[in-house]
């Protein structure tokens, strides 16, 4: 009597394992806050990635990046995006220059972490 129960349980576990293995694990994470590794300062992260970190050279106000500074992103310990500009309440607000990993630059005016106007130039 126990053998059919064991076989049924094993079959259920096998199917569950196959479904889990087929579920994509690299779904994008929702936007949220990330804390700088060099100071207790939060920064808005519009596109979170696994194994990323950020440092902030500017001031913090009420626990959020605020003022002029340079933000350095790393992914898996390797340099990624750099932003040299103005932050307010942890979001890009004001003039700034973003340098992408391929060396291209985006210079413009940000409002509430969105590029309001600017130019993208390759270096």
C-alpha atoms as a PDB file:
ATOM      1  CA  UNK A   1       0.000   0.000   0.000  1.00  0.00           C
ATOM      2  CA  UNK A   2       2.895   2.403   0.704  1.00  0.00           C
ATOM      3  CA  UNK A   3       4.550   1.796  -2.674  1.00  0.00           C
ATOM      4  CA  UNK A   4       1.813   3.531  -4.777  1.00  0.00           C
ATOM      5  CA  UNK A   5       1.947   6.545  -2.445  1.00  0.00           C
ATOM      6  CA  UNK A   6       5.738   6.763  -2.762  1.00  0.00           C
ATOM      7  CA  UNK A   7       5.538   6.459  -6.566  1.00  0.00           C
ATOM      8  CA  UNK A   8       2.848   9.179  -6.728  1.00  0.00           C
ATOM      9  CA  UNK A   9       4.865  11.500  -4.495  1.00  0.00           C
ATOM     10  CA  UNK A  10       7.989  10.943  -6.594  1.00  0.00           C
ATOM     11  CA  UNK A  11       6.056  11.699  -9.797  1.00  0.00           C
ATOM     12  CA  UNK A  12       4.688  14.949  -8.321  1.00  0.00           C
ATOM     13  CA  UNK A  13       8.181  16.024  -7.213  1.00  0.00           C
ATOM     14  CA  UNK A  14       9.614  15.220 -10.642  1.00  0.00           C
ATOM     15  CA  UNK A  15       6.966  17.326 -12.421  1.00  0.00           C
ATOM     16  CA  UNK A  16       7.453  20.195  -9.952  1.00  0.00           C
ATOM     17  CA  UNK A  17      11.229  20.103 -10.499  1.00  0.00           C
ATOM     18  CA  UNK A  18      10.786  20.247 -14.270  1.00  0.00           C
ATOM     19  CA  UNK A  19       8.395  23.208 -14.048  1.00  0.00           C
ATOM     20  CA  UNK A  20      10.799  25.052 -11.731  1.00  0.00           C
ATOM     21  CA  UNK A  21      13.714  24.370 -14.081  1.00  0.00           C
ATOM     22  CA  UNK A  22      11.757  25.888 -16.979  1.00  0.00           C
ATOM     23  CA  UNK A  23      10.813  29.040 -15.062  1.00  0.00           C
ATOM     24  CA  UNK A  24      13.040  31.942 -16.137  1.00  0.00           C
ATOM     25  CA  UNK A  25      15.134  33.189 -13.224  1.00  0.00           C
ATOM     26  CA  UNK A  26      16.612  36.207 -14.969  1.00  0.00           C
ATOM     27  CA  UNK A  27      13.439  38.267 -15.012  1.00  0.00           C
ATOM     28  CA  UNK A  28      14.184  41.963 -14.584  1.00  0.00           C
ATOM     29  CA  UNK A  29      13.791  43.215 -11.053  1.00  0.00           C
ATOM     30  CA  UNK A  30      11.396  46.086 -10.468  1.00  0.00           C
ATOM     31  CA  UNK A  31      12.887  49.559  -9.965  1.00  0.00           C
ATOM     32  CA  UNK A  32      13.827  50.408  -6.399  1.00  0.00           C
ATOM     33  CA  UNK A  33      16.407  51.898  -4.057  1.00  0.00           C
ATOM     34  CA  UNK A  34      20.019  50.776  -3.727  1.00  0.00           C
ATOM     35  CA  UNK A  35      22.352  51.932  -0.972  1.00  0.00           C
ATOM     36  CA  UNK A  36      25.833  53.126  -1.892  1.00  0.00           C
ATOM     37  CA  UNK A  37      28.601  50.828  -0.705  1.00  0.00           C
ATOM     38  CA  UNK A  38      30.788  53.709   0.508  1.00  0.00           C
ATOM     39  CA  UNK A  39      28.209  55.624   2.597  1.00  0.00           C
ATOM     40  CA  UNK A  40      24.646  55.184   3.881  1.00  0.00           C
ATOM     41  CA  UNK A  41      23.132  56.999   0.933  1.00  0.00           C
ATOM     42  CA  UNK A  42      20.209  55.692  -1.151  1.00  0.00           C
ATOM     43  CA  UNK A  43      20.071  56.052  -4.930  1.00  0.00           C
ATOM     44  CA  UNK A  44      17.144  55.305  -7.247  1.00  0.00           C
ATOM     45  CA  UNK A  45      17.830  52.215  -9.350  1.00  0.00           C
ATOM     46  CA  UNK A  46      15.579  52.229 -12.439  1.00  0.00           C
ATOM     47  CA  UNK A  47      16.950  48.958 -13.895  1.00  0.00           C
ATOM     48  CA  UNK A  48      18.301  46.652 -11.155  1.00  0.00           C
ATOM     49  CA  UNK A  49      20.714  43.909 -12.205  1.00  0.00           C
ATOM     50  CA  UNK A  50      22.126  40.977 -10.283  1.00  0.00           C
ATOM     51  CA  UNK A  51      25.459  41.575  -8.525  1.00  0.00           C
ATOM     52  CA  UNK A  52      25.527  45.325  -8.993  1.00  0.00           C
ATOM     53  CA  UNK A  53      26.814  47.971  -6.607  1.00  0.00           C
ATOM     54  CA  UNK A  54      27.099  51.733  -6.586  1.00  0.00           C
ATOM     55  CA  UNK A  55      29.317  54.354  -4.955  1.00  0.00           C
ATOM     56  CA  UNK A  56      28.472  58.039  -4.559  1.00  0.00           C
ATOM     57  CA  UNK A  57      31.018  60.848  -4.092  1.00  0.00           C
ATOM     58  CA  UNK A  58      28.558  63.619  -3.248  1.00  0.00           C
ATOM     59  CA  UNK A  59      26.612  64.584  -0.159  1.00  0.00           C
ATOM     60  CA  UNK A  60      23.641  62.804   1.372  1.00  0.00           C
ATOM     61  CA  UNK A  61      20.597  64.519   2.787  1.00  0.00           C
ATOM     62  CA  UNK A  62      18.115  62.559   4.904  1.00  0.00           C
ATOM     63  CA  UNK A  63      19.761  59.322   3.700  1.00  0.00           C
ATOM     64  CA  UNK A  64      19.480  60.069  -0.034  1.00  0.00           C
ATOM     65  CA  UNK A  65      22.053  61.225  -2.601  1.00  0.00           C
ATOM     66  CA  UNK A  66      21.577  64.992  -2.886  1.00  0.00           C
ATOM     67  CA  UNK A  67      23.821  67.574  -4.506  1.00  0.00           C
ATOM     68  CA  UNK A  68      26.659  67.385  -7.015  1.00  0.00           C
ATOM     69  CA  UNK A  69      28.707  64.222  -7.205  1.00  0.00           C
ATOM     70  CA  UNK A  70      29.838  61.241  -9.222  1.00  0.00           C
ATOM     71  CA  UNK A  71      28.008  57.935  -9.166  1.00  0.00           C
ATOM     72  CA  UNK A  72      29.897  54.782 -10.173  1.00  0.00           C
ATOM     73  CA  UNK A  73      27.961  51.588 -10.952  1.00  0.00           C
ATOM     74  CA  UNK A  74      29.639  48.193 -11.074  1.00  0.00           C
ATOM     75  CA  UNK A  75      28.193  44.853 -12.185  1.00  0.00           C
ATOM     76  CA  UNK A  76      29.980  41.691 -11.070  1.00  0.00           C
ATOM     77  CA  UNK A  77      32.789  43.932  -9.798  1.00  0.00           C
ATOM     78  CA  UNK A  78      33.399  45.477 -13.235  1.00  0.00           C
ATOM     79  CA  UNK A  79      32.855  49.181 -14.053  1.00  0.00           C
ATOM     80  CA  UNK A  80      29.502  49.931 -15.660  1.00  0.00           C
ATOM     81  CA  UNK A  81      27.698  53.275 -15.924  1.00  0.00           C
ATOM     82  CA  UNK A  82      29.135  56.499 -14.497  1.00  0.00           C
ATOM     83  CA  UNK A  83      27.036  59.601 -13.825  1.00  0.00           C
ATOM     84  CA  UNK A  84      28.586  62.970 -13.034  1.00  0.00           C
ATOM     85  CA  UNK A  85      25.864  65.393 -12.068  1.00  0.00           C
ATOM     86  CA  UNK A  86      23.260  66.574  -9.629  1.00  0.00           C
ATOM     87  CA  UNK A  87      21.003  64.427  -7.464  1.00  0.00           C
ATOM     88  CA  UNK A  88      18.056  65.393  -5.283  1.00  0.00           C
ATOM     89  CA  UNK A  89      16.239  62.950  -3.002  1.00  0.00           C
ATOM     90  CA  UNK A  90      18.251  60.051  -4.454  1.00  0.00           C
ATOM     91  CA  UNK A  91      17.297  60.712  -8.089  1.00  0.00           C
ATOM     92  CA  UNK A  92      19.027  62.495 -10.960  1.00  0.00           C
ATOM     93  CA  UNK A  93      17.704  66.069 -10.906  1.00  0.00           C
ATOM     94  CA  UNK A  94      19.602  68.708 -12.813  1.00  0.00           C
ATOM     95  CA  UNK A  95      22.469  68.801 -15.284  1.00  0.00           C
ATOM     96  CA  UNK A  96      24.652  65.754 -15.704  1.00  0.00           C
ATOM     97  CA  UNK A  97      26.744  63.530 -17.942  1.00  0.00           C
ATOM     98  CA  UNK A  98      26.223  59.788 -18.118  1.00  0.00           C
ATOM     99  CA  UNK A  99      29.052  57.672 -19.505  1.00  0.00           C
ATOM    100  CA  UNK A 100      27.991  54.226 -20.695  1.00  0.00           C
ATOM    101  CA  UNK A 101      30.231  51.137 -20.682  1.00  0.00           C
ATOM    102  CA  UNK A 102      30.840  51.479 -24.447  1.00  0.00           C
ATOM    103  CA  UNK A 103      32.226  54.989 -23.895  1.00  0.00           C
ATOM    104  CA  UNK A 104      29.251  56.887 -25.307  1.00  0.00           C
ATOM    105  CA  UNK A 105      28.094  59.929 -23.362  1.00  0.00           C
ATOM    106  CA  UNK A 106      24.664  61.318 -22.652  1.00  0.00           C
ATOM    107  CA  UNK A 107      24.749  64.925 -21.524  1.00  0.00           C
ATOM    108  CA  UNK A 108      21.582  66.687 -20.503  1.00  0.00           C
ATOM    109  CA  UNK A 109      19.078  67.771 -17.920  1.00  0.00           C
ATOM    110  CA  UNK A 110      17.365  65.197 -15.699  1.00  0.00           C
ATOM    111  CA  UNK A 111      14.111  65.636 -13.812  1.00  0.00           C
ATOM    112  CA  UNK A 112      12.994  62.995 -11.304  1.00  0.00           C
ATOM    113  CA  UNK A 113      15.546  60.540 -12.780  1.00  0.00           C
ATOM    114  CA  UNK A 114      14.271  60.960 -16.354  1.00  0.00           C
ATOM    115  CA  UNK A 115      16.307  62.576 -19.120  1.00  0.00           C
ATOM    116  CA  UNK A 116      14.353  65.710 -19.982  1.00  0.00           C
ATOM    117  CA  UNK A 117      16.599  66.940 -22.762  1.00  0.00           C
ATOM    118  CA  UNK A 118      20.052  66.061 -23.902  1.00  0.00           C
ATOM    119  CA  UNK A 119      22.468  64.784 -26.492  1.00  0.00           C
ATOM    120  CA  UNK A 120      24.044  61.386 -26.930  1.00  0.00           C
ATOM    121  CA  UNK A 121      27.534  61.461 -28.415  1.00  0.00           C
ATOM    122  CA  UNK A 122      29.988  58.610 -28.911  1.00  0.00           C
ATOM    123  CA  UNK A 123      33.491  59.272 -27.637  1.00  0.00           C
END
